[in-house]
Amino acid sequence: MNQDQLKGRGKEVKGNIKEAAGKALGNERMTTEGQAEQVEGKVQKTYGDVKQDVGQAIDKADRKP
């Protein structure tokens, strides 16, 4: 697991909490910000997944004689 994957998951969790708090308080702006953070976290996590997959593919290709 790389830093992008960890940071992405953290942003998703933070966004989920913020969205729930916004709904509980009736604060539409906070709800929307939470949803946006979740999307940002998912994108960053996906970037980290792709980055890891590419790195593994390169390592695998380098090991072939």
N, C-alpha and C. Protein backbone atom coordinates (compact mmCIF):
# COMPACT_ATOMS: atom_id res chain seq x y z
N MET A 1 0.85 -1.17 0.00
CA MET A 1 0.00 0.00 0.00
C MET A 1 0.90 1.24 0.00
N ASN A 2 0.58 2.18 -0.88
CA ASN A 2 1.40 3.39 -0.98
C ASN A 2 0.69 4.59 -0.33
N GLN A 3 1.39 5.70 -0.28
CA GLN A 3 0.88 6.90 0.38
C GLN A 3 -0.41 7.42 -0.24
N ASP A 4 -0.51 7.35 -1.57
CA ASP A 4 -1.73 7.83 -2.23
C ASP A 4 -2.94 7.00 -1.82
N GLN A 5 -2.76 5.71 -1.70
CA GLN A 5 -3.86 4.85 -1.29
C GLN A 5 -4.29 5.18 0.14
N LEU A 6 -3.32 5.36 1.03
CA LEU A 6 -3.64 5.69 2.42
C LEU A 6 -4.32 7.05 2.55
N LYS A 7 -3.76 8.04 1.89
CA LYS A 7 -4.35 9.39 1.96
C LYS A 7 -5.76 9.40 1.36
N GLY A 8 -5.93 8.67 0.27
CA GLY A 8 -7.24 8.59 -0.36
C GLY A 8 -8.28 7.99 0.56
N ARG A 9 -7.92 6.90 1.21
CA ARG A 9 -8.85 6.27 2.15
C ARG A 9 -9.17 7.20 3.31
N GLY A 10 -8.15 7.92 3.78
CA GLY A 10 -8.38 8.88 4.87
C GLY A 10 -9.35 9.97 4.46
N LYS A 11 -9.20 10.48 3.25
CA LYS A 11 -10.11 11.53 2.76
C LYS A 11 -11.53 10.99 2.61
N GLU A 12 -11.64 9.74 2.17
CA GLU A 12 -12.97 9.14 2.05
C GLU A 12 -13.66 9.08 3.40
N VAL A 13 -12.93 8.62 4.41
CA VAL A 13 -13.50 8.50 5.76
C VAL A 13 -13.87 9.87 6.31
N LYS A 14 -12.95 10.82 6.16
CA LYS A 14 -13.21 12.18 6.64
C LYS A 14 -14.44 12.78 5.94
N GLY A 15 -14.53 12.56 4.64
CA GLY A 15 -15.67 13.07 3.89
C GLY A 15 -16.97 12.44 4.31
N ASN A 16 -16.92 11.14 4.61
CA ASN A 16 -18.12 10.43 5.05
C ASN A 16 -18.60 10.98 6.39
N ILE A 17 -17.67 11.23 7.29
CA ILE A 17 -18.02 11.80 8.59
C ILE A 17 -18.59 13.20 8.43
N LYS A 18 -17.94 13.99 7.58
CA LYS A 18 -18.39 15.37 7.35
C LYS A 18 -19.79 15.38 6.73
N GLU A 19 -20.02 14.48 5.79
CA GLU A 19 -21.35 14.40 5.17
C GLU A 19 -22.41 14.05 6.21
N ALA A 20 -22.11 13.06 7.06
CA ALA A 20 -23.07 12.65 8.09
C ALA A 20 -23.34 13.78 9.07
N ALA A 21 -22.29 14.50 9.45
CA ALA A 21 -22.46 15.63 10.36
C ALA A 21 -23.31 16.73 9.71
N GLY A 22 -23.06 16.98 8.45
CA GLY A 22 -23.83 17.98 7.73
C GLY A 22 -25.31 17.62 7.66
N LYS A 23 -25.58 16.35 7.41
CA LYS A 23 -26.98 15.90 7.37
C LYS A 23 -27.62 16.03 8.75
N ALA A 24 -26.87 15.65 9.79
CA ALA A 24 -27.42 15.71 11.15
C ALA A 24 -27.70 17.15 11.58
N LEU A 25 -26.86 18.07 11.13
CA LEU A 25 -27.03 19.47 11.51
C LEU A 25 -27.92 20.25 10.54
N GLY A 26 -28.28 19.60 9.44
CA GLY A 26 -29.08 20.29 8.44
C GLY A 26 -28.27 21.32 7.66
N ASN A 27 -26.96 21.09 7.58
CA ASN A 27 -26.06 22.02 6.90
C ASN A 27 -25.74 21.46 5.52
N GLU A 28 -26.39 22.00 4.51
CA GLU A 28 -26.24 21.49 3.15
C GLU A 28 -24.82 21.68 2.62
N ARG A 29 -24.21 22.80 2.98
CA ARG A 29 -22.83 23.06 2.52
C ARG A 29 -21.87 22.01 3.06
N MET A 30 -21.98 21.71 4.35
CA MET A 30 -21.11 20.71 4.96
C MET A 30 -21.34 19.34 4.33
N THR A 31 -22.58 19.02 4.06
CA THR A 31 -22.92 17.75 3.41
C THR A 31 -22.26 17.66 2.04
N THR A 32 -22.36 18.72 1.28
CA THR A 32 -21.77 18.75 -0.06
C THR A 32 -20.25 18.68 0.00
N GLU A 33 -19.65 19.39 0.94
CA GLU A 33 -18.19 19.33 1.10
C GLU A 33 -17.74 17.91 1.45
N GLY A 34 -18.51 17.25 2.29
CA GLY A 34 -18.20 15.87 2.65
C GLY A 34 -18.26 14.94 1.45
N GLN A 35 -19.26 15.13 0.62
CA GLN A 35 -19.39 14.32 -0.59
C GLN A 35 -18.22 14.58 -1.53
N ALA A 36 -17.83 15.85 -1.64
CA ALA A 36 -16.70 16.20 -2.51
C ALA A 36 -15.40 15.58 -2.00
N GLU A 37 -15.20 15.58 -0.68
CA GLU A 37 -14.00 14.96 -0.11
C GLU A 37 -13.98 13.46 -0.37
N GLN A 38 -15.14 12.85 -0.32
CA GLN A 38 -15.21 11.42 -0.59
C GLN A 38 -14.78 11.12 -2.03
N VAL A 39 -15.27 11.92 -2.96
CA VAL A 39 -14.91 11.74 -4.37
C VAL A 39 -13.41 11.97 -4.55
N GLU A 40 -12.90 13.02 -3.94
CA GLU A 40 -11.46 13.30 -4.02
C GLU A 40 -10.64 12.13 -3.46
N GLY A 41 -11.09 11.58 -2.35
CA GLY A 41 -10.40 10.44 -1.76
C GLY A 41 -10.43 9.22 -2.66
N LYS A 42 -11.56 8.97 -3.28
CA LYS A 42 -11.68 7.82 -4.19
C LYS A 42 -10.74 7.97 -5.39
N VAL A 43 -10.67 9.20 -5.91
CA VAL A 43 -9.78 9.45 -7.05
C VAL A 43 -8.33 9.24 -6.64
N GLN A 44 -7.94 9.76 -5.48
CA GLN A 44 -6.56 9.61 -5.03
C GLN A 44 -6.24 8.15 -4.75
N LYS A 45 -7.17 7.41 -4.17
CA LYS A 45 -6.96 5.99 -3.90
C LYS A 45 -6.82 5.22 -5.21
N THR A 46 -7.65 5.53 -6.18
CA THR A 46 -7.56 4.87 -7.49
C THR A 46 -6.23 5.18 -8.16
N TYR A 47 -5.78 6.42 -8.06
CA TYR A 47 -4.48 6.79 -8.60
C TYR A 47 -3.39 5.95 -7.94
N GLY A 48 -3.47 5.79 -6.64
CA GLY A 48 -2.50 4.98 -5.92
C GLY A 48 -2.55 3.52 -6.34
N ASP A 49 -3.76 3.01 -6.58
CA ASP A 49 -3.91 1.62 -7.05
C ASP A 49 -3.24 1.44 -8.41
N VAL A 50 -3.49 2.38 -9.32
CA VAL A 50 -2.91 2.30 -10.67
C VAL A 50 -1.39 2.41 -10.59
N LYS A 51 -0.92 3.34 -9.79
CA LYS A 51 0.51 3.55 -9.61
C LYS A 51 1.18 2.26 -9.11
N GLN A 52 0.54 1.60 -8.16
CA GLN A 52 1.07 0.35 -7.62
C GLN A 52 1.06 -0.74 -8.69
N ASP A 53 -0.04 -0.85 -9.42
CA ASP A 53 -0.15 -1.87 -10.47
C ASP A 53 0.91 -1.67 -11.56
N VAL A 54 1.13 -0.43 -11.96
CA VAL A 54 2.14 -0.14 -12.98
C VAL A 54 3.53 -0.51 -12.46
N GLY A 55 3.81 -0.15 -11.22
CA GLY A 55 5.09 -0.48 -10.63
C GLY A 55 5.33 -1.98 -10.58
N GLN A 56 4.29 -2.72 -10.22
CA GLN A 56 4.41 -4.18 -10.17
C GLN A 56 4.61 -4.75 -11.57
N ALA A 57 3.91 -4.20 -12.55
CA ALA A 57 4.06 -4.69 -13.93
C ALA A 57 5.47 -4.42 -14.44
N ILE A 58 6.02 -3.27 -14.11
CA ILE A 58 7.38 -2.94 -14.53
C ILE A 58 8.38 -3.89 -13.86
N ASP A 59 8.20 -4.11 -12.58
CA ASP A 59 9.08 -5.04 -11.85
C ASP A 59 9.01 -6.43 -12.44
N LYS A 60 7.81 -6.87 -12.78
CA LYS A 60 7.62 -8.20 -13.36
C LYS A 60 8.28 -8.29 -14.72
N ALA A 61 8.15 -7.24 -15.53
CA ALA A 61 8.76 -7.22 -16.86
C ALA A 61 10.27 -7.20 -16.77
N ASP A 62 10.80 -6.52 -15.76
CA ASP A 62 12.26 -6.45 -15.58
C ASP A 62 12.85 -7.79 -15.18
N ARG A 63 12.07 -8.62 -14.52
CA ARG A 63 12.56 -9.92 -14.07
C ARG A 63 12.59 -10.97 -15.17
N LYS A 64 11.88 -10.73 -16.26
CA LYS A 64 11.87 -11.70 -17.36
C LYS A 64 13.20 -11.64 -18.10
N PRO A 65 13.78 -12.82 -18.40
CA PRO A 65 15.06 -12.84 -19.12
C PRO A 65 14.91 -12.48 -20.57
